[in-house]
Amino acid sequence: MKLCSQVRGDQSNPAILFLHGFLGLGEDWFDLATDLSRDHFCILPDLPGHGQSRELSGHQSSDMAATSEAIVNLLDDLKIDRVALLGYSMGGRIALYTAVSFSHRVKALVLESANPGIEDDKERIDRAALDDLRAEQIERKGVAAFVEQWYNAPLFDSLHHQPEKLALLKQSRLVHDPHALAAALRGLSIGRQPSLWKGILRLDIPTLVIAGAADKKYCDIANKMAALLPRCRQITIGDAGHNAHFEQPQEFLARLREFLHDTDA
């Protein structure tokens, strides 16, 4: 599997790789990467089934393990030994899986609104079934209808405080192919990934855990992760929910820069 990606900045600078969430695109990170590219090499892939990586959706191997391997292959293609890895939501799960599986390739980790996984077997099965149902809805009703339904979920309530930005966000999601997106939802479902709660106990790399203050579920998850990760820094961003980097980009960037400065040093 080969991920399509864009880059920003000088490749001789420290590298940071951004992983978007479900329905997202590598270009979601353009504004952050434009600023960071002054002193970092920014890598912005489209994850399987999304954007320009949509052709990967036909592969049964478009799961967490294969996606993690594809990220490492991308680093190999760019001749990058170690990278700071930043992931949001689904991208955060992939980032964490990659860090646990290939810790020698990850020098720092940033997890925004990320969940290490579902520990209970029945809950995992139920979630996989729910994501399969959602995938069927995407294929049957199309991407536009699903995008409206997705962003009306309580998880994204705080986004509705910025209606103009939310409208632009929804519009950007309409580029996806419904069958590719459905395949990604099935293959990368949190119900089909192994729980990483035990794996993070041995993750001995600098880690920044971020959650929006209005996202109580993920604040609780962040608290639990921070207590287990050996080298963790935790921050909560005010006036933001699940998508903190989108809702409060300047605050997010400032805290990210602080962390990268310390880890680069």
C-alpha atoms as a PDB file:
ATOM      1  CA  MET A   1       0.000   0.000   0.000  1.00  0.00           C
ATOM      2  CA  LYS A   2       1.316   3.442  -0.962  1.00  0.00           C
ATOM      3  CA  LEU A   3      -0.171   6.591   0.531  1.00  0.00           C
ATOM      4  CA  CYS A   4      -0.538   9.765  -1.517  1.00  0.00           C
ATOM      5  CA  SER A   5       0.912  12.737   0.326  1.00  0.00           C
ATOM      6  CA  GLN A   6       2.001  16.354   0.112  1.00  0.00           C
ATOM      7  CA  VAL A   7       4.959  17.948   1.850  1.00  0.00           C
ATOM      8  CA  ARG A   8       5.866  21.401   3.123  1.00  0.00           C
ATOM      9  CA  GLY A   9       9.257  22.762   4.179  1.00  0.00           C
ATOM     10  CA  ASP A  10      12.910  21.784   3.912  1.00  0.00           C
ATOM     11  CA  GLN A  11      13.630  18.083   4.214  1.00  0.00           C
ATOM     12  CA  SER A  12      16.793  18.786   6.192  1.00  0.00           C
ATOM     13  CA  ASN A  13      14.668  20.062   9.101  1.00  0.00           C
ATOM     14  CA  PRO A  14      13.081  17.826  11.761  1.00  0.00           C
ATOM     15  CA  ALA A  15      10.164  15.921  10.249  1.00  0.00           C
ATOM     16  CA  ILE A  16       6.576  15.865  11.461  1.00  0.00           C
ATOM     17  CA  LEU A  17       3.874  13.696   9.906  1.00  0.00           C
ATOM     18  CA  PHE A  18       0.197  14.672  10.278  1.00  0.00           C
ATOM     19  CA  LEU A  19      -2.639  12.121  10.255  1.00  0.00           C
ATOM     20  CA  HIS A  20      -6.175  13.427   9.724  1.00  0.00           C
ATOM     21  CA  GLY A  21      -9.393  12.024  11.147  1.00  0.00           C
ATOM     22  CA  PHE A  22     -12.207  10.112   9.456  1.00  0.00           C
ATOM     23  CA  LEU A  23     -13.665  12.133   6.555  1.00  0.00           C
ATOM     24  CA  GLY A  24     -10.531  14.291   6.565  1.00  0.00           C
ATOM     25  CA  LEU A  25      -7.693  15.005   4.156  1.00  0.00           C
ATOM     26  CA  GLY A  26      -3.998  15.724   4.392  1.00  0.00           C
ATOM     27  CA  GLU A  27      -4.789  19.285   3.379  1.00  0.00           C
ATOM     28  CA  ASP A  28      -6.731  19.754   6.633  1.00  0.00           C
ATOM     29  CA  TRP A  29      -3.323  20.538   8.144  1.00  0.00           C
ATOM     30  CA  PHE A  30      -2.216  23.112   5.539  1.00  0.00           C
ATOM     31  CA  ASP A  31      -2.473  26.157   7.825  1.00  0.00           C
ATOM     32  CA  LEU A  32      -0.548  24.510  10.669  1.00  0.00           C
ATOM     33  CA  ALA A  33       2.009  23.064   8.268  1.00  0.00           C
ATOM     34  CA  THR A  34       2.549  26.439   6.576  1.00  0.00           C
ATOM     35  CA  ASP A  35       3.613  27.923   9.905  1.00  0.00           C
ATOM     36  CA  LEU A  36       5.598  24.894  11.083  1.00  0.00           C
ATOM     37  CA  SER A  37       7.358  24.495   7.730  1.00  0.00           C
ATOM     38  CA  ARG A  38       9.638  27.419   8.630  1.00  0.00           C
ATOM     39  CA  ASP A  39      11.643  25.007  10.758  1.00  0.00           C
ATOM     40  CA  HIS A  40      10.082  21.576  10.174  1.00  0.00           C
ATOM     41  CA  PHE A  41       9.567  19.237   7.257  1.00  0.00           C
ATOM     42  CA  CYS A  42       5.816  18.578   7.209  1.00  0.00           C
ATOM     43  CA  ILE A  43       4.339  15.434   5.650  1.00  0.00           C
ATOM     44  CA  LEU A  44       0.593  15.409   4.930  1.00  0.00           C
ATOM     45  CA  PRO A  45      -0.729  12.062   3.661  1.00  0.00           C
ATOM     46  CA  ASP A  46      -4.284  11.174   2.709  1.00  0.00           C
ATOM     47  CA  LEU A  47      -5.164   8.057   4.700  1.00  0.00           C
ATOM     48  CA  PRO A  48      -6.597   4.960   2.955  1.00  0.00           C
ATOM     49  CA  GLY A  49     -10.005   5.530   1.379  1.00  0.00           C
ATOM     50  CA  HIS A  50      -9.631   9.311   1.664  1.00  0.00           C
ATOM     51  CA  GLY A  51      -8.757  11.948  -0.943  1.00  0.00           C
ATOM     52  CA  GLN A  52      -6.060  10.861  -3.373  1.00  0.00           C
ATOM     53  CA  SER A  53      -5.546   7.573  -1.516  1.00  0.00           C
ATOM     54  CA  ARG A  54      -9.049   6.432  -2.433  1.00  0.00           C
ATOM     55  CA  GLU A  55      -7.823   3.712  -4.801  1.00  0.00           C
ATOM     56  CA  LEU A  56      -6.462   1.808  -1.810  1.00  0.00           C
ATOM     57  CA  SER A  57      -9.943   1.050  -0.576  1.00  0.00           C
ATOM     58  CA  GLY A  58     -10.294  -2.071  -2.674  1.00  0.00           C
ATOM     59  CA  HIS A  59      -7.564  -3.826  -0.687  1.00  0.00           C
ATOM     60  CA  GLN A  60      -8.725  -6.051   2.165  1.00  0.00           C
ATOM     61  CA  SER A  61      -5.471  -5.059   3.884  1.00  0.00           C
ATOM     62  CA  SER A  62      -6.614  -1.433   4.374  1.00  0.00           C
ATOM     63  CA  ASP A  63      -6.713  -1.975   8.129  1.00  0.00           C
ATOM     64  CA  MET A  64      -4.745  -0.571  11.057  1.00  0.00           C
ATOM     65  CA  ALA A  65      -1.702  -2.808  10.576  1.00  0.00           C
ATOM     66  CA  ALA A  66      -1.448  -2.200   6.834  1.00  0.00           C
ATOM     67  CA  THR A  67      -1.948   1.543   7.248  1.00  0.00           C
ATOM     68  CA  SER A  68       0.783   1.666   9.885  1.00  0.00           C
ATOM     69  CA  GLU A  69       3.140  -0.174   7.545  1.00  0.00           C
ATOM     70  CA  ALA A  70       2.225   2.256   4.754  1.00  0.00           C
ATOM     71  CA  ILE A  71       3.238   5.176   6.970  1.00  0.00           C
ATOM     72  CA  VAL A  72       6.625   3.569   7.619  1.00  0.00           C
ATOM     73  CA  ASN A  73       7.005   2.911   3.884  1.00  0.00           C
ATOM     74  CA  LEU A  74       6.284   6.594   3.239  1.00  0.00           C
ATOM     75  CA  LEU A  75       9.071   7.533   5.643  1.00  0.00           C
ATOM     76  CA  ASP A  76      11.384   5.117   3.835  1.00  0.00           C
ATOM     77  CA  ASP A  77      10.515   6.682   0.468  1.00  0.00           C
ATOM     78  CA  LEU A  78      11.339  10.112   1.890  1.00  0.00           C
ATOM     79  CA  LYS A  79      14.539   8.742   3.485  1.00  0.00           C
ATOM     80  CA  ILE A  80      13.419   9.817   6.957  1.00  0.00           C
ATOM     81  CA  ASP A  81      14.653   7.718   9.840  1.00  0.00           C
ATOM     82  CA  ARG A  82      12.573   9.097  12.725  1.00  0.00           C
ATOM     83  CA  VAL A  83       9.601  11.436  12.786  1.00  0.00           C
ATOM     84  CA  ALA A  84       7.305  13.321  15.133  1.00  0.00           C
ATOM     85  CA  LEU A  85       3.881  11.784  14.571  1.00  0.00           C
ATOM     86  CA  LEU A  86       0.694  13.806  15.094  1.00  0.00           C
ATOM     87  CA  GLY A  87      -2.742  12.249  14.763  1.00  0.00           C
ATOM     88  CA  TYR A  88      -6.291  13.503  15.268  1.00  0.00           C
ATOM     89  CA  SER A  89      -9.179  11.175  16.205  1.00  0.00           C
ATOM     90  CA  MET A  90      -8.949   8.201  13.792  1.00  0.00           C
ATOM     91  CA  GLY A  91      -5.526   9.528  12.785  1.00  0.00           C
ATOM     92  CA  GLY A  92      -4.598   9.567  16.462  1.00  0.00           C
ATOM     93  CA  ARG A  93      -5.456   5.897  16.759  1.00  0.00           C
ATOM     94  CA  ILE A  94      -3.310   5.161  13.721  1.00  0.00           C
ATOM     95  CA  ALA A  95      -0.472   7.283  15.100  1.00  0.00           C
ATOM     96  CA  LEU A  96      -0.582   5.435  18.415  1.00  0.00           C
ATOM     97  CA  TYR A  97      -0.700   2.039  16.698  1.00  0.00           C
ATOM     98  CA  THR A  98       2.292   3.044  14.563  1.00  0.00           C
ATOM     99  CA  ALA A  99       4.236   4.268  17.588  1.00  0.00           C
ATOM    100  CA  VAL A 100       3.579   1.032  19.487  1.00  0.00           C
ATOM    101  CA  SER A 101       4.439  -1.139  16.460  1.00  0.00           C
ATOM    102  CA  PHE A 102       7.408   0.879  15.148  1.00  0.00           C
ATOM    103  CA  SER A 103       8.644   2.820  18.166  1.00  0.00           C
ATOM    104  CA  HIS A 104      12.153   3.058  16.681  1.00  0.00           C
ATOM    105  CA  ARG A 105      10.755   5.243  13.871  1.00  0.00           C
ATOM    106  CA  VAL A 106       8.847   7.684  16.101  1.00  0.00           C
ATOM    107  CA  LYS A 107      10.772  10.276  18.118  1.00  0.00           C
ATOM    108  CA  ALA A 108       7.723  12.119  19.485  1.00  0.00           C
ATOM    109  CA  LEU A 109       3.974  11.566  19.489  1.00  0.00           C
ATOM    110  CA  VAL A 110       1.035  13.984  19.555  1.00  0.00           C
ATOM    111  CA  LEU A 111      -2.432  12.524  20.141  1.00  0.00           C
ATOM    112  CA  GLU A 112      -5.448  14.814  19.687  1.00  0.00           C
ATOM    113  CA  SER A 113      -8.850  13.419  20.692  1.00  0.00           C
ATOM    114  CA  ALA A 114      -7.488   9.894  20.322  1.00  0.00           C
ATOM    115  CA  ASN A 115      -8.709   6.644  21.861  1.00  0.00           C
ATOM    116  CA  PRO A 116      -6.298   3.725  22.408  1.00  0.00           C
ATOM    117  CA  GLY A 117      -9.139   1.308  21.775  1.00  0.00           C
ATOM    118  CA  ILE A 118     -12.069  -0.605  23.242  1.00  0.00           C
ATOM    119  CA  GLU A 119     -11.094  -3.089  25.932  1.00  0.00           C
ATOM    120  CA  ASP A 120     -14.367  -5.004  26.226  1.00  0.00           C
ATOM    121  CA  ASP A 121     -14.816  -7.713  23.572  1.00  0.00           C
ATOM    122  CA  LYS A 122     -18.582  -7.295  23.225  1.00  0.00           C
ATOM    123  CA  GLU A 123     -18.311  -3.514  22.947  1.00  0.00           C
ATOM    124  CA  ARG A 124     -15.688  -3.966  20.232  1.00  0.00           C
ATOM    125  CA  ILE A 125     -17.975  -6.295  18.260  1.00  0.00           C
ATOM    126  CA  ASP A 126     -20.914  -3.917  18.657  1.00  0.00           C
ATOM    127  CA  ARG A 127     -18.832  -0.954  17.447  1.00  0.00           C
ATOM    128  CA  ALA A 128     -17.612  -2.865  14.389  1.00  0.00           C
ATOM    129  CA  ALA A 129     -21.232  -3.675  13.533  1.00  0.00           C
ATOM    130  CA  LEU A 130     -22.215  -0.017  13.957  1.00  0.00           C
ATOM    131  CA  ASP A 131     -19.408   1.116  11.657  1.00  0.00           C
ATOM    132  CA  ASP A 132     -20.462  -1.492   9.097  1.00  0.00           C
ATOM    133  CA  LEU A 133     -23.977  -0.032   9.210  1.00  0.00           C
ATOM    134  CA  ARG A 134     -22.578   3.472   8.767  1.00  0.00           C
ATOM    135  CA  ALA A 135     -20.511   2.259   5.804  1.00  0.00           C
ATOM    136  CA  GLU A 136     -23.648   0.859   4.191  1.00  0.00           C
ATOM    137  CA  GLN A 137     -25.352   4.227   4.672  1.00  0.00           C
ATOM    138  CA  ILE A 138     -22.484   5.988   2.908  1.00  0.00           C
ATOM    139  CA  GLU A 139     -22.740   3.624  -0.056  1.00  0.00           C
ATOM    140  CA  ARG A 140     -26.528   3.790  -0.199  1.00  0.00           C
ATOM    141  CA  LYS A 141     -27.185   7.492   0.504  1.00  0.00           C
ATOM    142  CA  GLY A 142     -23.930   9.096  -0.631  1.00  0.00           C
ATOM    143  CA  VAL A 143     -21.245  11.183   1.013  1.00  0.00           C
ATOM    144  CA  ALA A 144     -23.190  14.463   1.301  1.00  0.00           C
ATOM    145  CA  ALA A 145     -26.023  12.953   3.340  1.00  0.00           C
ATOM    146  CA  PHE A 146     -23.565  11.136   5.588  1.00  0.00           C
ATOM    147  CA  VAL A 147     -21.497  14.296   6.184  1.00  0.00           C
ATOM    148  CA  GLU A 148     -24.616  16.121   7.410  1.00  0.00           C
ATOM    149  CA  GLN A 149     -25.479  13.237   9.722  1.00  0.00           C
ATOM    150  CA  TRP A 150     -21.886  12.881  10.981  1.00  0.00           C
ATOM    151  CA  TYR A 151     -21.424  16.515  12.000  1.00  0.00           C
ATOM    152  CA  ASN A 152     -24.820  16.636  13.695  1.00  0.00           C
ATOM    153  CA  ALA A 153     -23.618  14.072  16.243  1.00  0.00           C
ATOM    154  CA  PRO A 154     -23.228  15.373  19.835  1.00  0.00           C
ATOM    155  CA  LEU A 155     -19.458  14.819  19.569  1.00  0.00           C
ATOM    156  CA  PHE A 156     -19.274  17.835  17.237  1.00  0.00           C
ATOM    157  CA  ASP A 157     -21.697  20.177  19.036  1.00  0.00           C
ATOM    158  CA  SER A 158     -19.018  22.819  19.615  1.00  0.00           C
ATOM    159  CA  LEU A 159     -18.354  23.108  15.873  1.00  0.00           C
ATOM    160  CA  HIS A 160     -21.809  24.620  15.464  1.00  0.00           C
ATOM    161  CA  HIS A 161     -20.596  27.714  17.340  1.00  0.00           C
ATOM    162  CA  GLN A 162     -18.599  28.540  14.190  1.00  0.00           C
ATOM    163  CA  PRO A 163     -21.192  27.921  11.422  1.00  0.00           C
ATOM    164  CA  GLU A 164     -19.226  29.501   8.575  1.00  0.00           C
ATOM    165  CA  LYS A 165     -16.134  27.413   9.311  1.00  0.00           C
ATOM    166  CA  LEU A 166     -18.291  24.308   9.734  1.00  0.00           C
ATOM    167  CA  ALA A 167     -19.910  24.905   6.340  1.00  0.00           C
ATOM    168  CA  LEU A 168     -16.469  25.065   4.708  1.00  0.00           C
ATOM    169  CA  LEU A 169     -15.406  21.920   6.543  1.00  0.00           C
ATOM    170  CA  LYS A 170     -18.460  20.023   5.323  1.00  0.00           C
ATOM    171  CA  GLN A 171     -17.895  21.215   1.767  1.00  0.00           C
ATOM    172  CA  SER A 172     -14.309  19.912   1.802  1.00  0.00           C
ATOM    173  CA  ARG A 173     -15.580  16.425   2.737  1.00  0.00           C
ATOM    174  CA  LEU A 174     -17.628  16.059  -0.452  1.00  0.00           C
ATOM    175  CA  VAL A 175     -14.559  15.122  -2.529  1.00  0.00           C
ATOM    176  CA  HIS A 176     -14.543  11.588  -1.138  1.00  0.00           C
ATOM    177  CA  ASP A 177     -15.630   8.529  -3.095  1.00  0.00           C
ATOM    178  CA  PRO A 178     -18.445   6.790  -1.161  1.00  0.00           C
ATOM    179  CA  HIS A 179     -17.186   3.245  -1.723  1.00  0.00           C
ATOM    180  CA  ALA A 180     -13.619   4.148  -0.765  1.00  0.00           C
ATOM    181  CA  LEU A 181     -14.814   5.976   2.331  1.00  0.00           C
ATOM    182  CA  ALA A 182     -17.040   3.061   3.340  1.00  0.00           C
ATOM    183  CA  ALA A 183     -14.134   0.646   2.984  1.00  0.00           C
ATOM    184  CA  ALA A 184     -11.983   2.880   5.193  1.00  0.00           C
ATOM    185  CA  LEU A 185     -14.696   3.017   7.862  1.00  0.00           C
ATOM    186  CA  ARG A 186     -14.945  -0.755   7.913  1.00  0.00           C
ATOM    187  CA  GLY A 187     -11.223  -1.477   7.857  1.00  0.00           C
ATOM    188  CA  LEU A 188     -10.141   1.233  10.291  1.00  0.00           C
ATOM    189  CA  SER A 189     -13.049   0.887  12.708  1.00  0.00           C
ATOM    190  CA  ILE A 190     -12.058   1.135  16.359  1.00  0.00           C
ATOM    191  CA  GLY A 191     -14.078  -2.060  16.735  1.00  0.00           C
ATOM    192  CA  ARG A 192     -11.539  -3.909  14.591  1.00  0.00           C
ATOM    193  CA  GLN A 193      -8.323  -2.539  16.043  1.00  0.00           C
ATOM    194  CA  PRO A 194      -6.680  -4.219  19.024  1.00  0.00           C
ATOM    195  CA  SER A 195      -6.845  -2.335  22.294  1.00  0.00           C
ATOM    196  CA  LEU A 196      -3.602  -0.415  22.849  1.00  0.00           C
ATOM    197  CA  TRP A 197      -4.142   0.364  26.525  1.00  0.00           C
ATOM    198  CA  LYS A 198      -1.496  -2.158  27.588  1.00  0.00           C
ATOM    199  CA  GLY A 199       0.812  -1.224  24.701  1.00  0.00           C
ATOM    200  CA  ILE A 200       1.125   2.390  25.806  1.00  0.00           C
ATOM    201  CA  LEU A 201       2.693   1.287  29.098  1.00  0.00           C
ATOM    202  CA  ARG A 202       5.932   0.523  27.243  1.00  0.00           C
ATOM    203  CA  LEU A 203       5.804   3.535  24.913  1.00  0.00           C
ATOM    204  CA  ASP A 204       8.941   5.340  26.069  1.00  0.00           C
ATOM    205  CA  ILE A 205       8.849   8.388  23.787  1.00  0.00           C
ATOM    206  CA  PRO A 206       7.807  12.007  24.517  1.00  0.00           C
ATOM    207  CA  THR A 207       4.046  12.209  24.077  1.00  0.00           C
ATOM    208  CA  LEU A 208       1.632  15.140  24.043  1.00  0.00           C
ATOM    209  CA  VAL A 209      -2.026  14.312  24.705  1.00  0.00           C
ATOM    210  CA  ILE A 210      -4.557  16.980  23.681  1.00  0.00           C
ATOM    211  CA  ALA A 211      -8.302  17.259  24.195  1.00  0.00           C
ATOM    212  CA  GLY A 212     -10.833  20.051  23.862  1.00  0.00           C
ATOM    213  CA  ALA A 213     -12.394  21.163  27.137  1.00  0.00           C
ATOM    214  CA  ALA A 214     -15.932  20.726  25.788  1.00  0.00           C
ATOM    215  CA  ASP A 215     -15.280  17.099  24.823  1.00  0.00           C
ATOM    216  CA  LYS A 216     -15.794  15.386  28.185  1.00  0.00           C
ATOM    217  CA  LYS A 217     -15.469  11.838  26.830  1.00  0.00           C
ATOM    218  CA  TYR A 218     -12.056  12.490  25.330  1.00  0.00           C
ATOM    219  CA  CYS A 219     -10.892  14.585  28.274  1.00  0.00           C
ATOM    220  CA  ASP A 220     -11.539  11.515  30.417  1.00  0.00           C
ATOM    221  CA  ILE A 221      -9.662   9.303  27.947  1.00  0.00           C
ATOM    222  CA  ALA A 222      -6.792  11.816  27.887  1.00  0.00           C
ATOM    223  CA  ASN A 223      -6.593  11.731  31.688  1.00  0.00           C
ATOM    224  CA  LYS A 224      -6.433   7.958  31.655  1.00  0.00           C
ATOM    225  CA  MET A 225      -3.757   7.897  28.945  1.00  0.00           C
ATOM    226  CA  ALA A 226      -1.652  10.528  30.691  1.00  0.00           C
ATOM    227  CA  ALA A 227      -1.601   8.403  33.840  1.00  0.00           C
ATOM    228  CA  LEU A 228      -0.220   5.424  31.889  1.00  0.00           C
ATOM    229  CA  LEU A 229       2.166   6.901  29.335  1.00  0.00           C
ATOM    230  CA  PRO A 230       5.726   6.992  30.727  1.00  0.00           C
ATOM    231  CA  ARG A 231       6.721  10.362  29.208  1.00  0.00           C
ATOM    232  CA  CYS A 232       3.503  12.284  28.776  1.00  0.00           C
ATOM    233  CA  ARG A 233       2.512  15.943  28.711  1.00  0.00           C
ATOM    234  CA  GLN A 234      -1.213  16.661  28.760  1.00  0.00           C
ATOM    235  CA  ILE A 235      -3.070  19.824  27.773  1.00  0.00           C
ATOM    236  CA  THR A 236      -6.711  20.812  27.525  1.00  0.00           C
ATOM    237  CA  ILE A 237      -7.693  23.493  25.035  1.00  0.00           C
ATOM    238  CA  GLY A 238     -10.478  25.814  26.157  1.00  0.00           C
ATOM    239  CA  ASP A 239     -13.465  26.791  23.983  1.00  0.00           C
ATOM    240  CA  ALA A 240     -12.990  23.680  21.851  1.00  0.00           C
ATOM    241  CA  GLY A 241     -14.518  20.256  21.492  1.00  0.00           C
ATOM    242  CA  HIS A 242     -13.417  17.141  19.647  1.00  0.00           C
ATOM    243  CA  ASN A 243     -11.711  19.007  16.785  1.00  0.00           C
ATOM    244  CA  ALA A 244      -9.489  21.350  18.818  1.00  0.00           C
ATOM    245  CA  HIS A 245      -6.965  22.124  16.053  1.00  0.00           C
ATOM    246  CA  PHE A 246      -9.819  23.327  13.833  1.00  0.00           C
ATOM    247  CA  GLU A 247     -11.736  25.238  16.501  1.00  0.00           C
ATOM    248  CA  GLN A 248      -8.772  26.929  18.196  1.00  0.00           C
ATOM    249  CA  PRO A 249      -5.906  26.753  15.664  1.00  0.00           C
ATOM    250  CA  GLN A 250      -3.682  29.433  17.216  1.00  0.00           C
ATOM    251  CA  GLU A 251      -3.823  27.930  20.702  1.00  0.00           C
ATOM    252  CA  PHE A 252      -3.249  24.464  19.258  1.00  0.00           C
ATOM    253  CA  LEU A 253      -0.271  25.672  17.226  1.00  0.00           C
ATOM    254  CA  ALA A 254       1.299  27.465  20.186  1.00  0.00           C
ATOM    255  CA  ARG A 255       1.105  24.392  22.417  1.00  0.00           C
ATOM    256  CA  LEU A 256       2.343  22.140  19.628  1.00  0.00           C
ATOM    257  CA  ARG A 257       5.320  24.423  19.000  1.00  0.00           C
ATOM    258  CA  GLU A 258       6.245  24.347  22.684  1.00  0.00           C
ATOM    259  CA  PHE A 259       6.239  20.562  22.674  1.00  0.00           C
ATOM    260  CA  LEU A 260       8.199  20.247  19.412  1.00  0.00           C
ATOM    261  CA  HIS A 261      10.762  22.782  20.619  1.00  0.00           C
ATOM    262  CA  ASP A 262      11.401  20.709  23.730  1.00  0.00           C
ATOM    263  CA  THR A 263      11.564  17.387  21.905  1.00  0.00           C
ATOM    264  CA  ASP A 264      13.744  18.740  19.085  1.00  0.00           C
ATOM    265  CA  ALA A 265      16.132  20.155  21.667  1.00  0.00           C
END
